[in-house]
Amino acid sequence: MIRSLLTLVACLVSFTLHAEEKGDGKLSIIVFGAHPDDAEYKAGGSAVKWARLGHQVKLVSVTNGDIGHWKEAGGPLALRRAAEVAACADSSVRN
């Protein structure tokens, strides 16, 4: 039941953008995606632009990516997705 509710919420909020000004003219921006890489596909280019302008940007996935692959699912796929995220986190946006 909880998983179904979370899935419904994720579908309803598949792409939400939240920005908050900190007083110095820079924004803290969070982009939510329902699935891994949703936020990147929908706002990746804008996120790079915002980061280069000095804003703090975070991309968030509300699921762990353990389903949806044609060949594998479950724990092994979730571990693969976590490793992909870690590799992306190692490469930061630079001017």
Protein backbone atom coordinates (compact mmCIF):
# COMPACT_ATOMS: atom_id res chain seq x y z
CA MET A 1 0.00 0.00 0.00
CA ILE A 2 2.76 2.44 0.95
CA ARG A 3 4.68 1.60 -2.23
CA SER A 4 1.55 2.25 -4.30
CA LEU A 5 1.03 5.57 -2.56
CA LEU A 6 4.65 6.57 -3.12
CA THR A 7 4.36 5.59 -6.78
CA LEU A 8 1.24 7.72 -7.13
CA VAL A 9 2.93 10.69 -5.49
CA ALA A 10 5.98 10.20 -7.71
CA CYS A 11 3.79 10.19 -10.80
CA LEU A 12 1.92 13.30 -9.72
CA VAL A 13 5.15 15.10 -8.91
CA SER A 14 7.24 13.69 -11.73
CA PHE A 15 8.82 17.05 -12.38
CA THR A 16 8.82 19.73 -9.72
CA LEU A 17 11.21 22.63 -9.39
CA HIS A 18 11.80 24.45 -6.12
CA ALA A 19 13.99 27.54 -5.85
CA GLU A 20 14.76 29.62 -2.79
CA GLU A 21 16.69 32.88 -2.70
CA LYS A 22 19.35 33.16 0.01
CA GLY A 23 19.64 36.96 0.03
CA ASP A 24 22.82 37.14 -2.04
CA GLY A 25 20.96 36.85 -5.33
CA LYS A 26 21.89 33.17 -5.66
CA LEU A 27 19.25 30.45 -5.62
CA SER A 28 19.10 27.02 -4.06
CA ILE A 29 17.40 24.97 -6.76
CA ILE A 30 16.08 21.42 -6.38
CA VAL A 31 14.71 19.48 -9.35
CA PHE A 32 12.69 16.36 -8.49
CA GLY A 33 12.19 13.46 -10.89
CA ALA A 34 10.08 10.37 -10.34
CA HIS A 35 12.73 8.00 -11.72
CA PRO A 36 16.51 8.01 -12.01
CA ASP A 37 17.56 10.34 -14.84
CA ASP A 38 14.13 12.03 -15.16
CA ALA A 39 15.42 15.26 -13.61
CA GLU A 40 18.58 15.10 -15.74
CA TYR A 41 16.64 14.60 -18.98
CA LYS A 42 14.09 17.28 -18.18
CA ALA A 43 16.31 19.94 -16.61
CA GLY A 44 19.94 18.87 -17.08
CA GLY A 45 20.86 21.67 -19.46
CA SER A 46 19.18 24.28 -17.30
CA ALA A 47 20.87 22.82 -14.20
CA VAL A 48 24.29 23.28 -15.80
CA LYS A 49 23.40 26.85 -16.73
CA TRP A 50 22.16 27.61 -13.21
CA ALA A 51 25.27 26.09 -11.63
CA ARG A 52 27.55 28.11 -13.91
CA LEU A 53 25.69 31.24 -12.78
CA GLY A 54 26.64 30.35 -9.20
CA HIS A 55 23.37 28.88 -8.00
CA GLN A 56 23.29 25.74 -5.85
CA VAL A 57 21.57 22.96 -7.82
CA LYS A 58 20.47 19.49 -6.73
CA LEU A 59 18.77 16.84 -8.86
CA VAL A 60 16.68 14.36 -6.87
CA SER A 61 15.17 11.02 -7.86
CA VAL A 62 12.35 9.74 -5.65
CA THR A 63 12.90 6.08 -6.60
CA ASN A 64 16.04 3.95 -6.53
CA GLY A 65 15.82 2.64 -10.09
CA ASP A 66 15.46 -1.03 -9.17
CA ILE A 67 12.94 -1.76 -11.96
CA GLY A 68 12.48 -0.77 -15.57
CA HIS A 69 15.51 -2.41 -17.18
CA TRP A 70 14.97 -4.97 -19.92
CA LYS A 71 17.41 -7.51 -18.46
CA GLU A 72 17.82 -7.03 -14.71
CA ALA A 73 15.81 -5.82 -11.71
CA GLY A 74 15.79 -5.70 -7.95
CA GLY A 75 18.87 -5.32 -5.76
CA PRO A 76 21.51 -5.72 -8.49
CA LEU A 77 19.91 -3.01 -10.61
CA ALA A 78 19.55 -0.67 -7.62
CA LEU A 79 23.26 -1.16 -6.85
CA ARG A 80 24.11 -0.42 -10.48
CA ARG A 81 22.05 2.78 -10.38
CA ALA A 82 23.74 3.83 -7.10
CA ALA A 83 27.17 3.31 -8.70
CA GLU A 84 26.11 5.40 -11.70
CA VAL A 85 25.01 8.22 -9.41
CA ALA A 86 28.29 8.06 -7.47
CA ALA A 87 30.27 8.27 -10.72
CA CYS A 88 28.24 11.33 -11.77
CA ALA A 89 28.77 12.97 -8.38
CA ASP A 90 32.53 12.68 -8.87
CA SER A 91 32.38 14.89 -11.94
CA SER A 92 31.19 18.34 -10.92
CA VAL A 93 30.11 21.20 -13.15
CA ARG A 94 32.96 23.58 -13.87
CA ASN A 95 32.95 27.01 -15.51
